[in-house]
Amino acid sequence: MWPYFAPEAAYIPIESEHIPTNELAVQGGACIEATDAHVGRVDEFLVNPGNDHITHLVLHDGHLWRQKKIAIPISQVDRIEENTVWLKLDKKSIEELPAMPIHRGKAKKV
């Protein structure tokens, strides 16, 4: 009763990931580090539809007006620690990889 009110206990969801043995987990937004500098974040993954294996990490680079996406072959990943992907490539090598087109949806007129 008022003024003595005990608030309900806060609900805290417990999240757990089930990662198979000898497998790694990477989430979108993870940091990508080249051998010589931070280069961006994981934007998405490209997957081989035949076997559902990840073939490329997509690096989102740039700012509002000069954005580009670069597909980095999974073979160029050196290691994954916590929320960071370490590459075998340096920043210059990554800049030489071809950029992917960025498609944006158009707003519908009502």
PDB file of N, CA and C in Angstrom:
ATOM      1  N   MET A   1       0.840  -1.184   0.000  1.00  0.00           N
ATOM      2  CA  MET A   1       0.000   0.000   0.000  1.00  0.00           C
ATOM      3  C   MET A   1       0.877   1.236   0.000  1.00  0.00           C
ATOM      4  N   TRP A   2       0.302   2.283  -0.490  1.00  0.00           N
ATOM      5  CA  TRP A   2       1.015   3.539  -0.592  1.00  0.00           C
ATOM      6  C   TRP A   2       1.255   4.089   0.796  1.00  0.00           C
ATOM      7  N   PRO A   3       2.311   4.658   1.183  1.00  0.00           N
ATOM      8  CA  PRO A   3       3.513   4.993   0.424  1.00  0.00           C
ATOM      9  C   PRO A   3       4.533   3.862   0.458  1.00  0.00           C
ATOM     10  N   TYR A   4       4.154   2.736   1.009  1.00  0.00           N
ATOM     11  CA  TYR A   4       5.088   1.619   1.075  1.00  0.00           C
ATOM     12  C   TYR A   4       4.782   0.649  -0.050  1.00  0.00           C
ATOM     13  N   PHE A   5       5.575   0.727  -1.100  1.00  0.00           N
ATOM     14  CA  PHE A   5       5.329  -0.097  -2.276  1.00  0.00           C
ATOM     15  C   PHE A   5       6.624  -0.798  -2.663  1.00  0.00           C
ATOM     16  N   ALA A   6       6.568  -2.087  -2.763  1.00  0.00           N
ATOM     17  CA  ALA A   6       7.746  -2.844  -3.193  1.00  0.00           C
ATOM     18  C   ALA A   6       7.630  -3.083  -4.693  1.00  0.00           C
ATOM     19  N   PRO A   7       8.566  -2.538  -5.478  1.00  0.00           N
ATOM     20  CA  PRO A   7       8.477  -2.741  -6.927  1.00  0.00           C
ATOM     21  C   PRO A   7       8.708  -4.215  -7.277  1.00  0.00           C
ATOM     22  N   GLU A   8       8.130  -4.611  -8.397  1.00  0.00           N
ATOM     23  CA  GLU A   8       8.313  -5.983  -8.850  1.00  0.00           C
ATOM     24  C   GLU A   8       9.769  -6.196  -9.241  1.00  0.00           C
ATOM     25  N   ALA A   9      10.225  -7.410  -9.096  1.00  0.00           N
ATOM     26  CA  ALA A   9      11.603  -7.726  -9.480  1.00  0.00           C
ATOM     27  C   ALA A   9      11.770  -7.528 -10.981  1.00  0.00           C
ATOM     28  N   ALA A  10      12.884  -6.948 -11.367  1.00  0.00           N
ATOM     29  CA  ALA A  10      13.153  -6.721 -12.788  1.00  0.00           C
ATOM     30  C   ALA A  10      13.380  -8.052 -13.491  1.00  0.00           C
ATOM     31  N   TYR A  11      12.805  -8.177 -14.673  1.00  0.00           N
ATOM     32  CA  TYR A  11      12.981  -9.389 -15.468  1.00  0.00           C
ATOM     33  C   TYR A  11      14.253  -9.228 -16.290  1.00  0.00           C
ATOM     34  N   ILE A  12      15.182 -10.132 -16.115  1.00  0.00           N
ATOM     35  CA  ILE A  12      16.439 -10.095 -16.861  1.00  0.00           C
ATOM     36  C   ILE A  12      16.505 -11.347 -17.728  1.00  0.00           C
ATOM     37  N   PRO A  13      16.392 -11.159 -19.058  1.00  0.00           N
ATOM     38  CA  PRO A  13      16.451 -12.342 -19.920  1.00  0.00           C
ATOM     39  C   PRO A  13      17.867 -12.918 -19.961  1.00  0.00           C
ATOM     40  N   ILE A  14      17.953 -14.214 -20.031  1.00  0.00           N
ATOM     41  CA  ILE A  14      19.252 -14.881 -20.131  1.00  0.00           C
ATOM     42  C   ILE A  14      19.419 -15.332 -21.569  1.00  0.00           C
ATOM     43  N   GLU A  15      20.484 -14.838 -22.190  1.00  0.00           N
ATOM     44  CA  GLU A  15      20.756 -15.202 -23.571  1.00  0.00           C
ATOM     45  C   GLU A  15      21.937 -16.163 -23.607  1.00  0.00           C
ATOM     46  N   SER A  16      21.811 -17.180 -24.408  1.00  0.00           N
ATOM     47  CA  SER A  16      22.933 -18.095 -24.580  1.00  0.00           C
ATOM     48  C   SER A  16      23.009 -18.487 -26.044  1.00  0.00           C
ATOM     49  N   GLU A  17      24.225 -18.705 -26.501  1.00  0.00           N
ATOM     50  CA  GLU A  17      24.438 -19.127 -27.873  1.00  0.00           C
ATOM     51  C   GLU A  17      24.903 -20.573 -27.857  1.00  0.00           C
ATOM     52  N   HIS A  18      24.410 -21.338 -28.789  1.00  0.00           N
ATOM     53  CA  HIS A  18      24.812 -22.726 -28.921  1.00  0.00           C
ATOM     54  C   HIS A  18      25.697 -22.832 -30.148  1.00  0.00           C
ATOM     55  N   ILE A  19      26.996 -22.756 -29.928  1.00  0.00           N
ATOM     56  CA  ILE A  19      27.965 -22.784 -31.014  1.00  0.00           C
ATOM     57  C   ILE A  19      28.599 -24.168 -31.042  1.00  0.00           C
ATOM     58  N   PRO A  20      28.533 -24.830 -32.193  1.00  0.00           N
ATOM     59  CA  PRO A  20      29.122 -26.175 -32.274  1.00  0.00           C
ATOM     60  C   PRO A  20      30.622 -26.160 -31.974  1.00  0.00           C
ATOM     61  N   THR A  21      31.126 -27.285 -31.522  1.00  0.00           N
ATOM     62  CA  THR A  21      32.541 -27.434 -31.233  1.00  0.00           C
ATOM     63  C   THR A  21      33.357 -27.140 -32.488  1.00  0.00           C
ATOM     64  N   ASN A  22      34.491 -26.480 -32.320  1.00  0.00           N
ATOM     65  CA  ASN A  22      35.400 -26.104 -33.409  1.00  0.00           C
ATOM     66  C   ASN A  22      34.801 -25.102 -34.387  1.00  0.00           C
ATOM     67  N   GLU A  23      33.772 -24.380 -33.985  1.00  0.00           N
ATOM     68  CA  GLU A  23      33.165 -23.339 -34.806  1.00  0.00           C
ATOM     69  C   GLU A  23      33.295 -22.012 -34.076  1.00  0.00           C
ATOM     70  N   LEU A  24      33.183 -20.908 -34.811  1.00  0.00           N
ATOM     71  CA  LEU A  24      33.256 -19.573 -34.234  1.00  0.00           C
ATOM     72  C   LEU A  24      31.978 -18.815 -34.543  1.00  0.00           C
ATOM     73  N   ALA A  25      31.673 -17.821 -33.745  1.00  0.00           N
ATOM     74  CA  ALA A  25      30.495 -16.992 -33.971  1.00  0.00           C
ATOM     75  C   ALA A  25      30.933 -15.548 -34.179  1.00  0.00           C
ATOM     76  N   VAL A  26      30.365 -14.926 -35.190  1.00  0.00           N
ATOM     77  CA  VAL A  26      30.621 -13.512 -35.475  1.00  0.00           C
ATOM     78  C   VAL A  26      29.272 -12.851 -35.665  1.00  0.00           C
ATOM     79  N   GLN A  27      29.102 -11.687 -35.063  1.00  0.00           N
ATOM     80  CA  GLN A  27      27.855 -10.965 -35.212  1.00  0.00           C
ATOM     81  C   GLN A  27      28.076  -9.736 -36.065  1.00  0.00           C
ATOM     82  N   GLY A  28      27.022  -9.314 -36.728  1.00  0.00           N
ATOM     83  CA  GLY A  28      27.080  -8.060 -37.457  1.00  0.00           C
ATOM     84  C   GLY A  28      27.442  -6.950 -36.491  1.00  0.00           C
ATOM     85  N   GLY A  29      28.285  -6.018 -36.940  1.00  0.00           N
ATOM     86  CA  GLY A  29      28.723  -4.930 -36.083  1.00  0.00           C
ATOM     87  C   GLY A  29      30.048  -5.203 -35.400  1.00  0.00           C
ATOM     88  N   ALA A  30      30.577  -6.419 -35.550  1.00  0.00           N
ATOM     89  CA  ALA A  30      31.872  -6.745 -34.946  1.00  0.00           C
ATOM     90  C   ALA A  30      32.963  -5.891 -35.596  1.00  0.00           C
ATOM     91  N   CYS A  31      33.965  -5.501 -34.834  1.00  0.00           N
ATOM     92  CA  CYS A  31      35.083  -4.700 -35.351  1.00  0.00           C
ATOM     93  C   CYS A  31      35.929  -5.538 -36.295  1.00  0.00           C
ATOM     94  N   ILE A  32      36.442  -4.886 -37.347  1.00  0.00           N
ATOM     95  CA  ILE A  32      37.364  -5.547 -38.265  1.00  0.00           C
ATOM     96  C   ILE A  32      38.692  -4.819 -38.175  1.00  0.00           C
ATOM     97  N   GLU A  33      39.748  -5.590 -37.870  1.00  0.00           N
ATOM     98  CA  GLU A  33      41.097  -5.038 -37.733  1.00  0.00           C
ATOM     99  C   GLU A  33      42.004  -5.620 -38.819  1.00  0.00           C
ATOM    100  N   ALA A  34      42.655  -4.747 -39.574  1.00  0.00           N
ATOM    101  CA  ALA A  34      43.675  -5.181 -40.528  1.00  0.00           C
ATOM    102  C   ALA A  34      44.964  -5.398 -39.737  1.00  0.00           C
ATOM    103  N   THR A  35      46.028  -5.811 -40.418  1.00  0.00           N
ATOM    104  CA  THR A  35      47.289  -6.039 -39.722  1.00  0.00           C
ATOM    105  C   THR A  35      47.887  -4.743 -39.201  1.00  0.00           C
ATOM    106  N   ASP A  36      47.462  -3.602 -39.779  1.00  0.00           N
ATOM    107  CA  ASP A  36      48.065  -2.330 -39.396  1.00  0.00           C
ATOM    108  C   ASP A  36      47.089  -1.267 -38.889  1.00  0.00           C
ATOM    109  N   ALA A  37      45.790  -1.532 -38.897  1.00  0.00           N
ATOM    110  CA  ALA A  37      44.835  -0.497 -38.458  1.00  0.00           C
ATOM    111  C   ALA A  37      43.421  -1.064 -38.357  1.00  0.00           C
ATOM    112  N   HIS A  38      42.574  -0.330 -37.645  1.00  0.00           N
ATOM    113  CA  HIS A  38      41.139  -0.629 -37.607  1.00  0.00           C
ATOM    114  C   HIS A  38      40.559  -0.189 -38.952  1.00  0.00           C
ATOM    115  N   VAL A  39      39.731  -1.038 -39.574  1.00  0.00           N
ATOM    116  CA  VAL A  39      39.210  -0.696 -40.897  1.00  0.00           C
ATOM    117  C   VAL A  39      37.696  -0.588 -40.962  1.00  0.00           C
ATOM    118  N   GLY A  40      36.980  -0.991 -39.938  1.00  0.00           N
ATOM    119  CA  GLY A  40      35.530  -0.852 -39.973  1.00  0.00           C
ATOM    120  C   GLY A  40      34.825  -1.918 -39.162  1.00  0.00           C
ATOM    121  N   ARG A  41      33.579  -2.192 -39.574  1.00  0.00           N
ATOM    122  CA  ARG A  41      32.738  -3.153 -38.868  1.00  0.00           C
ATOM    123  C   ARG A  41      32.108  -4.130 -39.855  1.00  0.00           C
ATOM    124  N   VAL A  42      31.765  -5.307 -39.352  1.00  0.00           N
ATOM    125  CA  VAL A  42      31.075  -6.302 -40.180  1.00  0.00           C
ATOM    126  C   VAL A  42      29.664  -5.797 -40.429  1.00  0.00           C
ATOM    127  N   ASP A  43      29.301  -5.689 -41.718  1.00  0.00           N
ATOM    128  CA  ASP A  43      27.961  -5.231 -42.069  1.00  0.00           C
ATOM    129  C   ASP A  43      27.035  -6.414 -42.328  1.00  0.00           C
ATOM    130  N   GLU A  44      27.549  -7.399 -43.057  1.00  0.00           N
ATOM    131  CA  GLU A  44      26.757  -8.583 -43.368  1.00  0.00           C
ATOM    132  C   GLU A  44      27.694  -9.703 -43.805  1.00  0.00           C
ATOM    133  N   PHE A  45      27.111 -10.838 -44.183  1.00  0.00           N
ATOM    134  CA  PHE A  45      27.881 -12.003 -44.616  1.00  0.00           C
ATOM    135  C   PHE A  45      27.360 -12.463 -45.966  1.00  0.00           C
ATOM    136  N   LEU A  46      28.245 -13.004 -46.795  1.00  0.00           N
ATOM    137  CA  LEU A  46      27.824 -13.644 -48.038  1.00  0.00           C
ATOM    138  C   LEU A  46      27.928 -15.147 -47.811  1.00  0.00           C
ATOM    139  N   VAL A  47      26.879 -15.873 -48.185  1.00  0.00           N
ATOM    140  CA  VAL A  47      26.781 -17.295 -47.885  1.00  0.00           C
ATOM    141  C   VAL A  47      26.639 -18.089 -49.180  1.00  0.00           C
ATOM    142  N   ASN A  48      27.356 -19.196 -49.271  1.00  0.00           N
ATOM    143  CA  ASN A  48      27.237 -20.113 -50.397  1.00  0.00           C
ATOM    144  C   ASN A  48      25.922 -20.872 -50.225  1.00  0.00           C
ATOM    145  N   PRO A  49      24.961 -20.725 -51.153  1.00  0.00           N
ATOM    146  CA  PRO A  49      23.671 -21.401 -50.982  1.00  0.00           C
ATOM    147  C   PRO A  49      23.761 -22.920 -51.083  1.00  0.00           C
ATOM    148  N   GLY A  50      24.834 -23.435 -51.672  1.00  0.00           N
ATOM    149  CA  GLY A  50      24.980 -24.886 -51.815  1.00  0.00           C
ATOM    150  C   GLY A  50      25.279 -25.588 -50.517  1.00  0.00           C
ATOM    151  N   ASN A  51      26.085 -24.947 -49.639  1.00  0.00           N
ATOM    152  CA  ASN A  51      26.449 -25.614 -48.381  1.00  0.00           C
ATOM    153  C   ASN A  51      26.217 -24.744 -47.143  1.00  0.00           C
ATOM    154  N   ASP A  52      25.666 -23.558 -47.331  1.00  0.00           N
ATOM    155  CA  ASP A  52      25.355 -22.621 -46.234  1.00  0.00           C
ATOM    156  C   ASP A  52      26.586 -22.180 -45.454  1.00  0.00           C
ATOM    157  N   HIS A  53      27.768 -22.211 -46.062  1.00  0.00           N
ATOM    158  CA  HIS A  53      28.980 -21.716 -45.418  1.00  0.00           C
ATOM    159  C   HIS A  53      29.202 -20.258 -45.786  1.00  0.00           C
ATOM    160  N   ILE A  54      29.716 -19.496 -44.839  1.00  0.00           N
ATOM    161  CA  ILE A  54      30.047 -18.096 -45.096  1.00  0.00           C
ATOM    162  C   ILE A  54      31.267 -18.050 -46.015  1.00  0.00           C
ATOM    163  N   THR A  55      31.167 -17.289 -47.105  1.00  0.00           N
ATOM    164  CA  THR A  55      32.282 -17.163 -48.038  1.00  0.00           C
ATOM    165  C   THR A  55      33.001 -15.824 -47.895  1.00  0.00           C
ATOM    166  N   HIS A  56      32.263 -14.778 -47.491  1.00  0.00           N
ATOM    167  CA  HIS A  56      32.837 -13.440 -47.374  1.00  0.00           C
ATOM    168  C   HIS A  56      32.216 -12.693 -46.191  1.00  0.00           C
ATOM    169  N   LEU A  57      33.014 -11.833 -45.576  1.00  0.00           N
ATOM    170  CA  LEU A  57      32.512 -10.827 -44.639  1.00  0.00           C
ATOM    171  C   LEU A  57      32.358  -9.549 -45.437  1.00  0.00           C
ATOM    172  N   VAL A  58      31.320  -8.801 -45.199  1.00  0.00           N
ATOM    173  CA  VAL A  58      31.149  -7.539 -45.905  1.00  0.00           C
ATOM    174  C   VAL A  58      31.477  -6.408 -44.940  1.00  0.00           C
ATOM    175  N   LEU A  59      32.492  -5.641 -45.316  1.00  0.00           N
ATOM    176  CA  LEU A  59      32.955  -4.493 -44.544  1.00  0.00           C
ATOM    177  C   LEU A  59      32.212  -3.269 -45.031  1.00  0.00           C
ATOM    178  N   HIS A  60      31.571  -2.562 -44.128  1.00  0.00           N
ATOM    179  CA  HIS A  60      30.916  -1.299 -44.458  1.00  0.00           C
ATOM    180  C   HIS A  60      31.897  -0.194 -44.107  1.00  0.00           C
ATOM    181  N   ASP A  61      32.271   0.576 -45.098  1.00  0.00           N
ATOM    182  CA  ASP A  61      33.301   1.591 -44.929  1.00  0.00           C
ATOM    183  C   ASP A  61      32.752   2.944 -45.368  1.00  0.00           C
ATOM    184  N   GLY A  62      33.204   3.997 -44.733  1.00  0.00           N
ATOM    185  CA  GLY A  62      32.838   5.336 -45.163  1.00  0.00           C
ATOM    186  C   GLY A  62      31.799   5.979 -44.280  1.00  0.00           C
ATOM    187  N   HIS A  63      31.370   7.149 -44.730  1.00  0.00           N
ATOM    188  CA  HIS A  63      30.390   7.945 -44.001  1.00  0.00           C
ATOM    189  C   HIS A  63      29.186   8.209 -44.894  1.00  0.00           C
ATOM    190  N   LEU A  64      28.325   9.061 -44.485  1.00  0.00           N
ATOM    191  CA  LEU A  64      27.036   9.294 -45.117  1.00  0.00           C
ATOM    192  C   LEU A  64      27.108   9.449 -46.636  1.00  0.00           C
ATOM    193  N   TRP A  65      28.011  10.267 -47.163  1.00  0.00           N
ATOM    194  CA  TRP A  65      28.029  10.525 -48.603  1.00  0.00           C
ATOM    195  C   TRP A  65      29.021   9.661 -49.372  1.00  0.00           C
ATOM    196  N   ARG A  66      29.965   9.089 -48.719  1.00  0.00           N
ATOM    197  CA  ARG A  66      30.985   8.304 -49.411  1.00  0.00           C
ATOM    198  C   ARG A  66      31.061   6.899 -48.815  1.00  0.00           C
ATOM    199  N   GLN A  67      29.959   6.186 -48.905  1.00  0.00           N
ATOM    200  CA  GLN A  67      29.906   4.844 -48.340  1.00  0.00           C
ATOM    201  C   GLN A  67      30.250   3.796 -49.393  1.00  0.00           C
ATOM    202  N   LYS A  68      30.856   2.722 -48.952  1.00  0.00           N
ATOM    203  CA  LYS A  68      31.082   1.581 -49.832  1.00  0.00           C
ATOM    204  C   LYS A  68      31.119   0.324 -48.986  1.00  0.00           C
ATOM    205  N   LYS A  69      30.837  -0.785 -49.649  1.00  0.00           N
ATOM    206  CA  LYS A  69      30.906  -2.089 -49.004  1.00  0.00           C
ATOM    207  C   LYS A  69      31.964  -2.896 -49.734  1.00  0.00           C
ATOM    208  N   ILE A  70      32.783  -3.603 -48.970  1.00  0.00           N
ATOM    209  CA  ILE A  70      33.852  -4.406 -49.536  1.00  0.00           C
ATOM    210  C   ILE A  70      33.699  -5.840 -49.041  1.00  0.00           C
ATOM    211  N   ALA A  71      33.684  -6.789 -49.981  1.00  0.00           N
ATOM    212  CA  ALA A  71      33.583  -8.208 -49.623  1.00  0.00           C
ATOM    213  C   ALA A  71      34.986  -8.743 -49.361  1.00  0.00           C
ATOM    214  N   ILE A  72      35.202  -9.243 -48.166  1.00  0.00           N
ATOM    215  CA  ILE A  72      36.501  -9.794 -47.784  1.00  0.00           C
ATOM    216  C   ILE A  72      36.372 -11.313 -47.705  1.00  0.00           C
ATOM    217  N   PRO A  73      37.159 -12.049 -48.510  1.00  0.00           N
ATOM    218  CA  PRO A  73      37.069 -13.519 -48.479  1.00  0.00           C
ATOM    219  C   PRO A  73      37.344 -14.058 -47.074  1.00  0.00           C
ATOM    220  N   ILE A  74      36.587 -15.037 -46.677  1.00  0.00           N
ATOM    221  CA  ILE A  74      36.736 -15.623 -45.346  1.00  0.00           C
ATOM    222  C   ILE A  74      38.120 -16.234 -45.169  1.00  0.00           C
ATOM    223  N   SER A  75      38.781 -16.599 -46.266  1.00  0.00           N
ATOM    224  CA  SER A  75      40.134 -17.152 -46.194  1.00  0.00           C
ATOM    225  C   SER A  75      41.145 -16.115 -45.702  1.00  0.00           C
ATOM    226  N   GLN A  76      40.785 -14.828 -45.724  1.00  0.00           N
ATOM    227  CA  GLN A  76      41.674 -13.774 -45.278  1.00  0.00           C
ATOM    228  C   GLN A  76      41.475 -13.411 -43.803  1.00  0.00           C
ATOM    229  N   VAL A  77      40.619 -14.164 -43.105  1.00  0.00           N
ATOM    230  CA  VAL A  77      40.434 -13.969 -41.667  1.00  0.00           C
ATOM    231  C   VAL A  77      41.532 -14.725 -40.932  1.00  0.00           C
ATOM    232  N   ASP A  78      42.277 -14.003 -40.118  1.00  0.00           N
ATOM    233  CA  ASP A  78      43.367 -14.611 -39.345  1.00  0.00           C
ATOM    234  C   ASP A  78      42.826 -15.270 -38.085  1.00  0.00           C
ATOM    235  N   ARG A  79      42.019 -14.508 -37.333  1.00  0.00           N
ATOM    236  CA  ARG A  79      41.455 -15.045 -36.096  1.00  0.00           C
ATOM    237  C   ARG A  79      40.257 -14.185 -35.682  1.00  0.00           C
ATOM    238  N   ILE A  80      39.468 -14.730 -34.776  1.00  0.00           N
ATOM    239  CA  ILE A  80      38.316 -14.012 -34.233  1.00  0.00           C
ATOM    240  C   ILE A  80      38.422 -14.081 -32.726  1.00  0.00           C
ATOM    241  N   GLU A  81      38.387 -12.917 -32.085  1.00  0.00           N
ATOM    242  CA  GLU A  81      38.449 -12.829 -30.626  1.00  0.00           C
ATOM    243  C   GLU A  81      37.354 -11.895 -30.148  1.00  0.00           C
ATOM    244  N   GLU A  82      36.597 -12.354 -29.164  1.00  0.00           N
ATOM    245  CA  GLU A  82      35.506 -11.561 -28.600  1.00  0.00           C
ATOM    246  C   GLU A  82      34.637 -11.016 -29.729  1.00  0.00           C
ATOM    247  N   ASN A  83      34.595  -9.697 -29.879  1.00  0.00           N
ATOM    248  CA  ASN A  83      33.767  -9.064 -30.906  1.00  0.00           C
ATOM    249  C   ASN A  83      34.652  -8.399 -31.959  1.00  0.00           C
ATOM    250  N   THR A  84      35.795  -9.038 -32.271  1.00  0.00           N
ATOM    251  CA  THR A  84      36.753  -8.484 -33.224  1.00  0.00           C
ATOM    252  C   THR A  84      37.216  -9.555 -34.204  1.00  0.00           C
ATOM    253  N   VAL A  85      37.232  -9.184 -35.485  1.00  0.00           N
ATOM    254  CA  VAL A  85      37.733 -10.053 -36.541  1.00  0.00           C
ATOM    255  C   VAL A  85      39.090  -9.499 -36.978  1.00  0.00           C
ATOM    256  N   TRP A  86      40.130 -10.317 -36.884  1.00  0.00           N
ATOM    257  CA  TRP A  86      41.481  -9.920 -37.283  1.00  0.00           C
ATOM    258  C   TRP A  86      41.767 -10.503 -38.656  1.00  0.00           C
ATOM    259  N   LEU A  87      42.223  -9.657 -39.583  1.00  0.00           N
ATOM    260  CA  LEU A  87      42.484 -10.080 -40.954  1.00  0.00           C
ATOM    261  C   LEU A  87      43.967 -10.322 -41.203  1.00  0.00           C
ATOM    262  N   LYS A  88      44.255 -11.047 -42.288  1.00  0.00           N
ATOM    263  CA  LYS A  88      45.627 -11.268 -42.739  1.00  0.00           C
ATOM    264  C   LYS A  88      46.077 -10.144 -43.673  1.00  0.00           C
ATOM    265  N   LEU A  89      45.177  -9.238 -44.003  1.00  0.00           N
ATOM    266  CA  LEU A  89      45.439  -8.163 -44.957  1.00  0.00           C
ATOM    267  C   LEU A  89      45.782  -6.856 -44.249  1.00  0.00           C
ATOM    268  N   ASP A  90      46.568  -6.005 -44.919  1.00  0.00           N
ATOM    269  CA  ASP A  90      46.791  -4.665 -44.400  1.00  0.00           C
ATOM    270  C   ASP A  90      45.753  -3.719 -45.009  1.00  0.00           C
ATOM    271  N   LYS A  91      45.707  -2.503 -44.505  1.00  0.00           N
ATOM    272  CA  LYS A  91      44.691  -1.545 -44.930  1.00  0.00           C
ATOM    273  C   LYS A  91      44.769  -1.254 -46.430  1.00  0.00           C
ATOM    274  N   LYS A  92      45.974  -1.146 -46.968  1.00  0.00           N
ATOM    275  CA  LYS A  92      46.142  -0.857 -48.395  1.00  0.00           C
ATOM    276  C   LYS A  92      45.569  -1.991 -49.248  1.00  0.00           C
ATOM    277  N   SER A  93      45.799  -3.232 -48.860  1.00  0.00           N
ATOM    278  CA  SER A  93      45.269  -4.387 -49.598  1.00  0.00           C
ATOM    279  C   SER A  93      43.744  -4.401 -49.572  1.00  0.00           C
ATOM    280  N   ILE A  94      43.163  -4.015 -48.467  1.00  0.00           N
ATOM    281  CA  ILE A  94      41.700  -3.975 -48.351  1.00  0.00           C
ATOM    282  C   ILE A  94      41.131  -2.890 -49.257  1.00  0.00           C
ATOM    283  N   GLU A  95      41.797  -1.739 -49.316  1.00  0.00           N
ATOM    284  CA  GLU A  95      41.334  -0.643 -50.174  1.00  0.00           C
ATOM    285  C   GLU A  95      41.379  -1.024 -51.649  1.00  0.00           C
ATOM    286  N   GLU A  96      42.243  -1.964 -52.025  1.00  0.00           N
ATOM    287  CA  GLU A  96      42.363  -2.397 -53.417  1.00  0.00           C
ATOM    288  C   GLU A  96      41.302  -3.429 -53.804  1.00  0.00           C
ATOM    289  N   LEU A  97      40.603  -4.000 -52.829  1.00  0.00           N
ATOM    290  CA  LEU A  97      39.533  -4.951 -53.139  1.00  0.00           C
ATOM    291  C   LEU A  97      38.377  -4.193 -53.794  1.00  0.00           C
ATOM    292  N   PRO A  98      37.644  -4.849 -54.708  1.00  0.00           N
ATOM    293  CA  PRO A  98      36.535  -4.152 -55.382  1.00  0.00           C
ATOM    294  C   PRO A  98      35.392  -3.853 -54.417  1.00  0.00           C
ATOM    295  N   ALA A  99      34.774  -2.703 -54.630  1.00  0.00           N
ATOM    296  CA  ALA A  99      33.620  -2.303 -53.817  1.00  0.00           C
ATOM    297  C   ALA A  99      32.355  -2.936 -54.382  1.00  0.00           C
ATOM    298  N   MET A 100      31.405  -3.216 -53.503  1.00  0.00           N
ATOM    299  CA  MET A 100      30.110  -3.758 -53.903  1.00  0.00           C
ATOM    300  C   MET A 100      29.128  -2.595 -53.995  1.00  0.00           C
ATOM    301  N   PRO A 101      28.167  -2.655 -54.917  1.00  0.00           N
ATOM    302  CA  PRO A 101      27.175  -1.578 -54.969  1.00  0.00           C
ATOM    303  C   PRO A 101      26.286  -1.604 -53.734  1.00  0.00           C
ATOM    304  N   ILE A 102      25.893  -0.428 -53.268  1.00  0.00           N
ATOM    305  CA  ILE A 102      24.979  -0.317 -52.130  1.00  0.00           C
ATOM    306  C   ILE A 102      23.617   0.011 -52.672  1.00  0.00           C
ATOM    307  N   HIS A 103      22.648  -0.866 -52.403  1.00  0.00           N
ATOM    308  CA  HIS A 103      21.287  -0.651 -52.873  1.00  0.00           C
ATOM    309  C   HIS A 103      20.448  -0.109 -51.741  1.00  0.00           C
ATOM    310  N   ARG A 104      19.723   0.920 -52.020  1.00  0.00           N
ATOM    311  CA  ARG A 104      18.846   1.514 -51.019  1.00  0.00           C
ATOM    312  C   ARG A 104      17.413   1.406 -51.522  1.00  0.00           C
ATOM    313  N   GLY A 105      16.520   1.084 -50.603  1.00  0.00           N
ATOM    314  CA  GLY A 105      15.110   1.027 -50.969  1.00  0.00           C
ATOM    315  C   GLY A 105      14.555   2.440 -51.123  1.00  0.00           C
ATOM    316  N   LYS A 106      13.592   2.601 -52.006  1.00  0.00           N
ATOM    317  CA  LYS A 106      12.981   3.915 -52.217  1.00  0.00           C
ATOM    318  C   LYS A 106      11.703   4.004 -51.379  1.00  0.00           C
ATOM    319  N   ALA A 107      11.461   5.177 -50.888  1.00  0.00           N
ATOM    320  CA  ALA A 107      10.257   5.402 -50.097  1.00  0.00           C
ATOM    321  C   ALA A 107       9.034   5.329 -51.009  1.00  0.00           C
ATOM    322  N   LYS A 108       7.977   4.708 -50.536  1.00  0.00           N
ATOM    323  CA  LYS A 108       6.753   4.602 -51.310  1.00  0.00           C
ATOM    324  C   LYS A 108       5.951   5.888 -51.169  1.00  0.00           C
ATOM    325  N   LYS A 109       5.377   6.310 -52.280  1.00  0.00           N
ATOM    326  CA  LYS A 109       4.507   7.491 -52.244  1.00  0.00           C
ATOM    327  C   LYS A 109       3.114   7.046 -51.860  1.00  0.00           C
ATOM    328  N   VAL A 110       2.508   7.819 -50.965  1.00  0.00           N
ATOM    329  CA  VAL A 110       1.161   7.459 -50.509  1.00  0.00           C
ATOM    330  C   VAL A 110       0.172   8.437 -51.044  1.00  0.00           C
TER     331      VAL A 110
END
